[in-house]
mmCIF file of all heavy atoms, coordinates in Angstrom:
data_MODEL
# 
_entry.id   MODEL 
# 
loop_
_atom_site.group_PDB 
_atom_site.id 
_atom_site.type_symbol 
_atom_site.label_atom_id 
_atom_site.label_alt_id 
_atom_site.label_comp_id 
_atom_site.label_asym_id 
_atom_site.label_entity_id 
_atom_site.label_seq_id 
_atom_site.pdbx_PDB_ins_code 
_atom_site.Cartn_x 
_atom_site.Cartn_y 
_atom_site.Cartn_z 
_atom_site.occupancy 
_atom_site.B_iso_or_equiv 
_atom_site.pdbx_formal_charge 
_atom_site.auth_seq_id 
_atom_site.auth_comp_id 
_atom_site.auth_asym_id 
_atom_site.auth_atom_id 
_atom_site.pdbx_PDB_model_num 
ATOM 1   N N   . ALA A 1 1  ? 138.336 18.215 124.593 1.00 0.00 ? 1  ALA A N   1 
ATOM 2   C CA  . ALA A 1 1  ? 137.929 19.468 123.953 1.00 0.00 ? 1  ALA A CA  1 
ATOM 3   C C   . ALA A 1 1  ? 137.346 19.206 122.568 1.00 0.00 ? 1  ALA A C   1 
ATOM 4   O O   . ALA A 1 1  ? 136.344 19.820 122.177 1.00 0.00 ? 1  ALA A O   1 
ATOM 5   C CB  . ALA A 1 1  ? 139.125 20.408 123.858 1.00 0.00 ? 1  ALA A CB  1 
ATOM 6   N N   . ALA A 1 2  ? 137.944 18.282 121.829 1.00 0.00 ? 2  ALA A N   1 
ATOM 7   C CA  . ALA A 1 2  ? 137.451 17.955 120.489 1.00 0.00 ? 2  ALA A CA  1 
ATOM 8   C C   . ALA A 1 2  ? 136.078 17.299 120.533 1.00 0.00 ? 2  ALA A C   1 
ATOM 9   O O   . ALA A 1 2  ? 135.369 17.282 119.529 1.00 0.00 ? 2  ALA A O   1 
ATOM 10  C CB  . ALA A 1 2  ? 138.448 17.034 119.790 1.00 0.00 ? 2  ALA A CB  1 
ATOM 11  N N   . ASN A 1 3  ? 135.699 16.796 121.700 1.00 0.00 ? 3  ASN A N   1 
ATOM 12  C CA  . ASN A 1 3  ? 134.398 16.150 121.861 1.00 0.00 ? 3  ASN A CA  1 
ATOM 13  C C   . ASN A 1 3  ? 133.432 16.988 122.693 1.00 0.00 ? 3  ASN A C   1 
ATOM 14  O O   . ASN A 1 3  ? 132.533 16.454 123.342 1.00 0.00 ? 3  ASN A O   1 
ATOM 15  C CB  . ASN A 1 3  ? 134.577 14.765 122.472 1.00 0.00 ? 3  ASN A CB  1 
ATOM 16  C CG  . ASN A 1 3  ? 135.055 13.744 121.473 1.00 0.00 ? 3  ASN A CG  1 
ATOM 17  O OD1 . ASN A 1 3  ? 134.264 13.149 120.750 1.00 0.00 ? 3  ASN A OD1 1 
ATOM 18  N ND2 . ASN A 1 3  ? 136.371 13.547 121.414 1.00 0.00 ? 3  ASN A ND2 1 
ATOM 19  N N   . GLY A 1 4  ? 133.627 18.302 122.667 1.00 0.00 ? 4  GLY A N   1 
ATOM 20  C CA  . GLY A 1 4  ? 132.630 19.208 123.224 1.00 0.00 ? 4  GLY A CA  1 
ATOM 21  C C   . GLY A 1 4  ? 132.841 19.653 124.656 1.00 0.00 ? 4  GLY A C   1 
ATOM 22  O O   . GLY A 1 4  ? 131.984 20.340 125.215 1.00 0.00 ? 4  GLY A O   1 
ATOM 23  N N   . TYR A 1 5  ? 133.941 19.295 125.278 1.00 0.00 ? 5  TYR A N   1 
ATOM 24  C CA  . TYR A 1 5  ? 134.205 19.714 126.656 1.00 0.00 ? 5  TYR A CA  1 
ATOM 25  C C   . TYR A 1 5  ? 134.970 21.033 126.680 1.00 0.00 ? 5  TYR A C   1 
ATOM 26  O O   . TYR A 1 5  ? 135.851 21.265 125.844 1.00 0.00 ? 5  TYR A O   1 
ATOM 27  C CB  . TYR A 1 5  ? 135.042 18.664 127.382 1.00 0.00 ? 5  TYR A CB  1 
ATOM 28  C CG  . TYR A 1 5  ? 134.232 17.541 128.003 1.00 0.00 ? 5  TYR A CG  1 
ATOM 29  C CD1 . TYR A 1 5  ? 133.575 16.611 127.209 1.00 0.00 ? 5  TYR A CD1 1 
ATOM 30  C CD2 . TYR A 1 5  ? 134.127 17.405 129.384 1.00 0.00 ? 5  TYR A CD2 1 
ATOM 31  C CE1 . TYR A 1 5  ? 132.833 15.583 127.761 1.00 0.00 ? 5  TYR A CE1 1 
ATOM 32  C CE2 . TYR A 1 5  ? 133.381 16.378 129.957 1.00 0.00 ? 5  TYR A CE2 1 
ATOM 33  C CZ  . TYR A 1 5  ? 132.745 15.473 129.142 1.00 0.00 ? 5  TYR A CZ  1 
ATOM 34  O OH  . TYR A 1 5  ? 132.011 14.457 129.707 1.00 0.00 ? 5  TYR A OH  1 
ATOM 35  N N   . SER A 1 6  ? 134.647 21.901 127.628 1.00 0.00 ? 6  SER A N   1 
ATOM 36  C CA  . SER A 1 6  ? 135.500 23.043 127.913 1.00 0.00 ? 6  SER A CA  1 
ATOM 37  C C   . SER A 1 6  ? 136.629 22.552 128.823 1.00 0.00 ? 6  SER A C   1 
ATOM 38  O O   . SER A 1 6  ? 136.408 21.714 129.700 1.00 0.00 ? 6  SER A O   1 
ATOM 39  C CB  . SER A 1 6  ? 134.715 24.168 128.591 1.00 0.00 ? 6  SER A CB  1 
ATOM 40  O OG  . SER A 1 6  ? 134.215 23.751 129.850 1.00 0.00 ? 6  SER A OG  1 
ATOM 41  N N   . THR A 1 7  ? 137.838 23.049 128.613 1.00 0.00 ? 7  THR A N   1 
ATOM 42  C CA  . THR A 1 7  ? 138.987 22.547 129.372 1.00 0.00 ? 7  THR A CA  1 
ATOM 43  C C   . THR A 1 7  ? 139.683 23.691 130.079 1.00 0.00 ? 7  THR A C   1 
ATOM 44  O O   . THR A 1 7  ? 139.928 24.752 129.490 1.00 0.00 ? 7  THR A O   1 
ATOM 45  C CB  . THR A 1 7  ? 139.976 21.814 128.455 1.00 0.00 ? 7  THR A CB  1 
ATOM 46  O OG1 . THR A 1 7  ? 140.502 22.721 127.482 1.00 0.00 ? 7  THR A OG1 1 
ATOM 47  C CG2 . THR A 1 7  ? 139.304 20.645 127.737 1.00 0.00 ? 7  THR A CG2 1 
ATOM 48  N N   . LEU A 1 8  ? 140.022 23.470 131.333 1.00 0.00 ? 8  LEU A N   1 
ATOM 49  C CA  . LEU A 1 8  ? 140.706 24.476 132.130 1.00 0.00 ? 8  LEU A CA  1 
ATOM 50  C C   . LEU A 1 8  ? 141.557 23.790 133.187 1.00 0.00 ? 8  LEU A C   1 
ATOM 51  O O   . LEU A 1 8  ? 141.256 22.673 133.618 1.00 0.00 ? 8  LEU A O   1 
ATOM 52  C CB  . LEU A 1 8  ? 139.713 25.441 132.779 1.00 0.00 ? 8  LEU A CB  1 
ATOM 53  C CG  . LEU A 1 8  ? 138.703 24.915 133.812 1.00 0.00 ? 8  LEU A CG  1 
ATOM 54  C CD1 . LEU A 1 8  ? 138.078 26.089 134.567 1.00 0.00 ? 8  LEU A CD1 1 
ATOM 55  C CD2 . LEU A 1 8  ? 137.587 24.090 133.171 1.00 0.00 ? 8  LEU A CD2 1 
ATOM 56  N N   . ALA A 1 9  ? 142.629 24.460 133.595 1.00 0.00 ? 9  ALA A N   1 
ATOM 57  C CA  . ALA A 1 9  ? 143.536 23.826 134.549 1.00 0.00 ? 9  ALA A CA  1 
ATOM 58  C C   . ALA A 1 9  ? 144.381 24.874 135.239 1.00 0.00 ? 9  ALA A C   1 
ATOM 59  O O   . ALA A 1 9  ? 144.532 26.014 134.770 1.00 0.00 ? 9  ALA A O   1 
ATOM 60  C CB  . ALA A 1 9  ? 144.432 22.802 133.854 1.00 0.00 ? 9  ALA A CB  1 
ATOM 61  N N   . ALA A 1 10 ? 144.959 24.463 136.372 1.00 0.00 ? 10 ALA A N   1 
ATOM 62  C CA  . ALA A 1 10 ? 145.930 25.270 137.107 1.00 0.00 ? 10 ALA A CA  1 
ATOM 63  C C   . ALA A 1 10 ? 146.984 24.332 137.672 1.00 0.00 ? 10 ALA A C   1 
ATOM 64  O O   . ALA A 1 10 ? 146.694 23.187 138.016 1.00 0.00 ? 10 ALA A O   1 
ATOM 65  C CB  . ALA A 1 10 ? 145.260 26.054 138.232 1.00 0.00 ? 10 ALA A CB  1 
ATOM 66  N N   . GLY A 1 11 ? 148.221 24.828 137.769 1.00 0.00 ? 11 GLY A N   1 
ATOM 67  C CA  . GLY A 1 11 ? 149.286 24.032 138.363 1.00 0.00 ? 11 GLY A CA  1 
ATOM 68  C C   . GLY A 1 11 ? 149.916 23.063 137.382 1.00 0.00 ? 11 GLY A C   1 
ATOM 69  O O   . GLY A 1 11 ? 149.839 23.232 136.166 1.00 0.00 ? 11 GLY A O   1 
ATOM 70  N N   . LYS A 1 12 ? 150.529 22.009 137.937 1.00 0.00 ? 12 LYS A N   1 
ATOM 71  C CA  . LYS A 1 12 ? 151.279 21.062 137.114 1.00 0.00 ? 12 LYS A CA  1 
ATOM 72  C C   . LYS A 1 12 ? 150.453 19.832 136.767 1.00 0.00 ? 12 LYS A C   1 
ATOM 73  O O   . LYS A 1 12 ? 150.136 19.026 137.629 1.00 0.00 ? 12 LYS A O   1 
ATOM 74  C CB  . LYS A 1 12 ? 152.559 20.628 137.831 1.00 0.00 ? 12 LYS A CB  1 
ATOM 75  C CG  . LYS A 1 12 ? 153.411 19.668 136.997 1.00 0.00 ? 12 LYS A CG  1 
ATOM 76  C CD  . LYS A 1 12 ? 154.644 19.212 137.741 1.00 0.00 ? 12 LYS A CD  1 
ATOM 77  C CE  . LYS A 1 12 ? 155.442 18.226 136.912 1.00 0.00 ? 12 LYS A CE  1 
ATOM 78  N NZ  . LYS A 1 12 ? 156.616 17.688 137.627 1.00 0.00 ? 12 LYS A NZ  1 
ATOM 79  N N   . LEU A 1 13 ? 150.111 19.709 135.494 1.00 0.00 ? 13 LEU A N   1 
ATOM 80  C CA  . LEU A 1 13 ? 149.476 18.502 134.969 1.00 0.00 ? 13 LEU A CA  1 
ATOM 81  C C   . LEU A 1 13 ? 150.405 17.804 133.990 1.00 0.00 ? 13 LEU A C   1 
ATOM 82  O O   . LEU A 1 13 ? 150.600 16.590 134.056 1.00 0.00 ? 13 LEU A O   1 
ATOM 83  C CB  . LEU A 1 13 ? 148.159 18.850 134.268 1.00 0.00 ? 13 LEU A CB  1 
ATOM 84  C CG  . LEU A 1 13 ? 146.890 19.079 135.092 1.00 0.00 ? 13 LEU A CG  1 
ATOM 85  C CD1 . LEU A 1 13 ? 146.523 17.849 135.884 1.00 0.00 ? 13 LEU A CD1 1 
ATOM 86  C CD2 . LEU A 1 13 ? 146.950 20.309 135.952 1.00 0.00 ? 13 LEU A CD2 1 
ATOM 87  N N   . LEU A 1 14 ? 150.986 18.565 133.085 1.00 0.00 ? 14 LEU A N   1 
ATOM 88  C CA  . LEU A 1 14 ? 151.831 18.034 132.023 1.00 0.00 ? 14 LEU A CA  1 
ATOM 89  C C   . LEU A 1 14 ? 153.301 18.306 132.331 1.00 0.00 ? 14 LEU A C   1 
ATOM 90  O O   . LEU A 1 14 ? 153.629 19.107 133.210 1.00 0.00 ? 14 LEU A O   1 
ATOM 91  C CB  . LEU A 1 14 ? 151.449 18.669 130.685 1.00 0.00 ? 14 LEU A CB  1 
ATOM 92  C CG  . LEU A 1 14 ? 149.980 18.547 130.289 1.00 0.00 ? 14 LEU A CG  1 
ATOM 93  C CD1 . LEU A 1 14 ? 149.643 19.542 129.198 1.00 0.00 ? 14 LEU A CD1 1 
ATOM 94  C CD2 . LEU A 1 14 ? 149.675 17.138 129.829 1.00 0.00 ? 14 LEU A CD2 1 
ATOM 95  N N   . HIS A 1 15 ? 154.178 17.640 131.599 1.00 0.00 ? 15 HIS A N   1 
ATOM 96  C CA  . HIS A 1 15 ? 155.615 17.861 131.741 1.00 0.00 ? 15 HIS A CA  1 
ATOM 97  C C   . HIS A 1 15 ? 156.242 17.654 130.371 1.00 0.00 ? 15 HIS A C   1 
ATOM 98  O O   . HIS A 1 15 ? 156.224 16.552 129.835 1.00 0.00 ? 15 HIS A O   1 
ATOM 99  C CB  . HIS A 1 15 ? 156.211 16.878 132.755 1.00 0.00 ? 15 HIS A CB  1 
ATOM 100 C CG  . HIS A 1 15 ? 157.657 17.139 133.071 1.00 0.00 ? 15 HIS A CG  1 
ATOM 101 N ND1 . HIS A 1 15 ? 158.098 17.516 134.325 1.00 0.00 ? 15 HIS A ND1 1 
ATOM 102 C CD2 . HIS A 1 15 ? 158.769 17.083 132.304 1.00 0.00 ? 15 HIS A CD2 1 
ATOM 103 C CE1 . HIS A 1 15 ? 159.406 17.666 134.311 1.00 0.00 ? 15 HIS A CE1 1 
ATOM 104 N NE2 . HIS A 1 15 ? 159.832 17.412 133.087 1.00 0.00 ? 15 HIS A NE2 1 
ATOM 105 N N   . GLY A 1 16 ? 156.752 18.738 129.776 1.00 0.00 ? 16 GLY A N   1 
ATOM 106 C CA  . GLY A 1 16 ? 157.327 18.639 128.440 1.00 0.00 ? 16 GLY A CA  1 
ATOM 107 C C   . GLY A 1 16 ? 156.329 18.902 127.331 1.00 0.00 ? 16 GLY A C   1 
ATOM 108 O O   . GLY A 1 16 ? 156.677 18.793 126.146 1.00 0.00 ? 16 GLY A O   1 
ATOM 109 N N   . TYR A 1 17 ? 155.103 19.242 127.689 1.00 0.00 ? 17 TYR A N   1 
ATOM 110 C CA  . TYR A 1 17 ? 154.053 19.576 126.726 1.00 0.00 ? 17 TYR A CA  1 
ATOM 111 C C   . TYR A 1 17 ? 153.366 20.817 127.260 1.00 0.00 ? 17 TYR A C   1 
ATOM 112 O O   . TYR A 1 17 ? 152.987 20.865 128.436 1.00 0.00 ? 17 TYR A O   1 
ATOM 113 C CB  . TYR A 1 17 ? 153.066 18.415 126.600 1.00 0.00 ? 17 TYR A CB  1 
ATOM 114 C CG  . TYR A 1 17 ? 152.200 18.449 125.363 1.00 0.00 ? 17 TYR A CG  1 
ATOM 115 C CD1 . TYR A 1 17 ? 152.663 17.908 124.168 1.00 0.00 ? 17 TYR A CD1 1 
ATOM 116 C CD2 . TYR A 1 17 ? 150.927 18.996 125.385 1.00 0.00 ? 17 TYR A CD2 1 
ATOM 117 C CE1 . TYR A 1 17 ? 151.876 17.909 123.020 1.00 0.00 ? 17 TYR A CE1 1 
ATOM 118 C CE2 . TYR A 1 17 ? 150.138 19.007 124.249 1.00 0.00 ? 17 TYR A CE2 1 
ATOM 119 C CZ  . TYR A 1 17 ? 150.617 18.462 123.070 1.00 0.00 ? 17 TYR A CZ  1 
ATOM 120 O OH  . TYR A 1 17 ? 149.822 18.480 121.932 1.00 0.00 ? 17 TYR A OH  1 
ATOM 121 N N   . PRO A 1 18 ? 153.184 21.875 126.452 1.00 0.00 ? 18 PRO A N   1 
ATOM 122 C CA  . PRO A 1 18 ? 152.756 23.177 126.979 1.00 0.00 ? 18 PRO A CA  1 
ATOM 123 C C   . PRO A 1 18 ? 151.314 23.206 127.488 1.00 0.00 ? 18 PRO A C   1 
ATOM 124 O O   . PRO A 1 18 ? 150.379 22.896 126.746 1.00 0.00 ? 18 PRO A O   1 
ATOM 125 C CB  . PRO A 1 18 ? 152.932 24.112 125.778 1.00 0.00 ? 18 PRO A CB  1 
ATOM 126 C CG  . PRO A 1 18 ? 152.840 23.215 124.581 1.00 0.00 ? 18 PRO A CG  1 
ATOM 127 C CD  . PRO A 1 18 ? 153.421 21.906 124.988 1.00 0.00 ? 18 PRO A CD  1 
ATOM 128 N N   . HIS A 1 19 ? 151.154 23.591 128.748 1.00 0.00 ? 19 HIS A N   1 
ATOM 129 C CA  . HIS A 1 19 ? 149.816 23.719 129.316 1.00 0.00 ? 19 HIS A CA  1 
ATOM 130 C C   . HIS A 1 19 ? 148.975 24.743 128.556 1.00 0.00 ? 19 HIS A C   1 
ATOM 131 O O   . HIS A 1 19 ? 147.792 24.534 128.304 1.00 0.00 ? 19 HIS A O   1 
ATOM 132 C CB  . HIS A 1 19 ? 149.901 24.158 130.782 1.00 0.00 ? 19 HIS A CB  1 
ATOM 133 C CG  . HIS A 1 19 ? 150.416 23.114 131.721 1.00 0.00 ? 19 HIS A CG  1 
ATOM 134 N ND1 . HIS A 1 19 ? 151.756 22.937 131.979 1.00 0.00 ? 19 HIS A ND1 1 
ATOM 135 C CD2 . HIS A 1 19 ? 149.769 22.192 132.485 1.00 0.00 ? 19 HIS A CD2 1 
ATOM 136 C CE1 . HIS A 1 19 ? 151.908 21.960 132.852 1.00 0.00 ? 19 HIS A CE1 1 
ATOM 137 N NE2 . HIS A 1 19 ? 150.730 21.489 133.179 1.00 0.00 ? 19 HIS A NE2 1 
ATOM 138 N N   . GLU A 1 20 ? 149.602 25.870 128.223 1.00 0.00 ? 20 GLU A N   1 
ATOM 139 C CA  . GLU A 1 20 ? 148.857 26.978 127.612 1.00 0.00 ? 20 GLU A CA  1 
ATOM 140 C C   . GLU A 1 20 ? 148.265 26.604 126.257 1.00 0.00 ? 20 GLU A C   1 
ATOM 141 O O   . GLU A 1 20 ? 147.262 27.167 125.832 1.00 0.00 ? 20 GLU A O   1 
ATOM 142 C CB  . GLU A 1 20 ? 149.771 28.195 127.451 1.00 0.00 ? 20 GLU A CB  1 
ATOM 143 C CG  . GLU A 1 20 ? 150.243 28.814 128.766 1.00 0.00 ? 20 GLU A CG  1 
ATOM 144 C CD  . GLU A 1 20 ? 151.460 28.082 129.351 1.00 0.00 ? 20 GLU A CD  1 
ATOM 145 O OE1 . GLU A 1 20 ? 151.892 27.064 128.755 1.00 0.00 ? 20 GLU A OE1 1 
ATOM 146 O OE2 . GLU A 1 20 ? 151.970 28.528 130.385 1.00 0.00 ? 20 GLU A OE2 1 
ATOM 147 N N   . ARG A 1 21 ? 148.884 25.648 125.556 1.00 0.00 ? 21 ARG A N   1 
ATOM 148 C CA  . ARG A 1 21 ? 148.393 25.236 124.248 1.00 0.00 ? 21 ARG A CA  1 
ATOM 149 C C   . ARG A 1 21 ? 147.498 24.005 124.349 1.00 0.00 ? 21 ARG A C   1 
ATOM 150 O O   . ARG A 1 21 ? 146.938 23.560 123.349 1.00 0.00 ? 21 ARG A O   1 
ATOM 151 C CB  . ARG A 1 21 ? 149.579 24.925 123.326 1.00 0.00 ? 21 ARG A CB  1 
ATOM 152 C CG  . ARG A 1 21 ? 150.466 26.122 123.048 1.00 0.00 ? 21 ARG A CG  1 
ATOM 153 C CD  . ARG A 1 21 ? 151.677 25.703 122.224 1.00 0.00 ? 21 ARG A CD  1 
ATOM 154 N NE  . ARG A 1 21 ? 152.571 26.819 121.962 1.00 0.00 ? 21 ARG A NE  1 
ATOM 155 C CZ  . ARG A 1 21 ? 153.731 26.711 121.321 1.00 0.00 ? 21 ARG A CZ  1 
ATOM 156 N NH1 . ARG A 1 21 ? 154.124 25.521 120.862 1.00 0.00 ? 21 ARG A NH1 1 
ATOM 157 N NH2 . ARG A 1 21 ? 154.504 27.754 121.133 1.00 0.00 ? 21 ARG A NH2 1 
ATOM 158 N N   . THR A 1 22 ? 147.384 23.459 125.546 1.00 0.00 ? 22 THR A N   1 
ATOM 159 C CA  . THR A 1 22 ? 146.619 22.227 125.742 1.00 0.00 ? 22 THR A CA  1 
ATOM 160 C C   . THR A 1 22 ? 145.243 22.494 126.317 1.00 0.00 ? 22 THR A C   1 
ATOM 161 O O   . THR A 1 22 ? 144.262 21.862 125.928 1.00 0.00 ? 22 THR A O   1 
ATOM 162 C CB  . THR A 1 22 ? 147.388 21.268 126.671 1.00 0.00 ? 22 THR A CB  1 
ATOM 163 O OG1 . THR A 1 22 ? 148.720 21.103 126.170 1.00 0.00 ? 22 THR A OG1 1 
ATOM 164 C CG2 . THR A 1 22 ? 146.710 19.914 126.763 1.00 0.00 ? 22 THR A CG2 1 
ATOM 165 N N   . PHE A 1 23 ? 145.172 23.422 127.260 1.00 0.00 ? 23 PHE A N   1 
ATOM 166 C CA  . PHE A 1 23 ? 143.912 23.782 127.900 1.00 0.00 ? 23 PHE A CA  1 
ATOM 167 C C   . PHE A 1 23 ? 143.406 25.113 127.343 1.00 0.00 ? 23 PHE A C   1 
ATOM 168 O O   . PHE A 1 23 ? 144.195 26.016 127.047 1.00 0.00 ? 23 PHE A O   1 
ATOM 169 C CB  . PHE A 1 23 ? 144.097 23.900 129.415 1.00 0.00 ? 23 PHE A CB  1 
ATOM 170 C CG  . PHE A 1 23 ? 144.423 22.591 130.093 1.00 0.00 ? 23 PHE A CG  1 
ATOM 171 C CD1 . PHE A 1 23 ? 145.745 22.218 130.307 1.00 0.00 ? 23 PHE A CD1 1 
ATOM 172 C CD2 . PHE A 1 23 ? 143.412 21.741 130.517 1.00 0.00 ? 23 PHE A CD2 1 
ATOM 173 C CE1 . PHE A 1 23 ? 146.057 21.016 130.935 1.00 0.00 ? 23 PHE A CE1 1 
ATOM 174 C CE2 . PHE A 1 23 ? 143.712 20.539 131.141 1.00 0.00 ? 23 PHE A CE2 1 
ATOM 175 C CZ  . PHE A 1 23 ? 145.034 20.176 131.345 1.00 0.00 ? 23 PHE A CZ  1 
ATOM 176 N N   . GLU A 1 24 ? 142.101 25.233 127.240 1.00 0.00 ? 24 GLU A N   1 
ATOM 177 C CA  . GLU A 1 24 ? 141.526 26.485 126.760 1.00 0.00 ? 24 GLU A CA  1 
ATOM 178 C C   . GLU A 1 24 ? 141.762 27.616 127.750 1.00 0.00 ? 24 GLU A C   1 
ATOM 179 O O   . GLU A 1 24 ? 141.855 28.787 127.364 1.00 0.00 ? 24 GLU A O   1 
ATOM 180 C CB  . GLU A 1 24 ? 140.025 26.284 126.521 1.00 0.00 ? 24 GLU A CB  1 
ATOM 181 C CG  . GLU A 1 24 ? 139.730 25.296 125.413 1.00 0.00 ? 24 GLU A CG  1 
ATOM 182 C CD  . GLU A 1 24 ? 138.292 24.838 125.371 1.00 0.00 ? 24 GLU A CD  1 
ATOM 183 O OE1 . GLU A 1 24 ? 137.559 25.011 126.376 1.00 0.00 ? 24 GLU A OE1 1 
ATOM 184 O OE2 . GLU A 1 24 ? 137.883 24.285 124.344 1.00 0.00 ? 24 GLU A OE2 1 
# 
């Protein structure tokens, strides 16, 4: 995201780190 990418996700990617604050 810091390098110009839009970020989006669904389901389980992370564990112990908040998805909502990680993906746009």
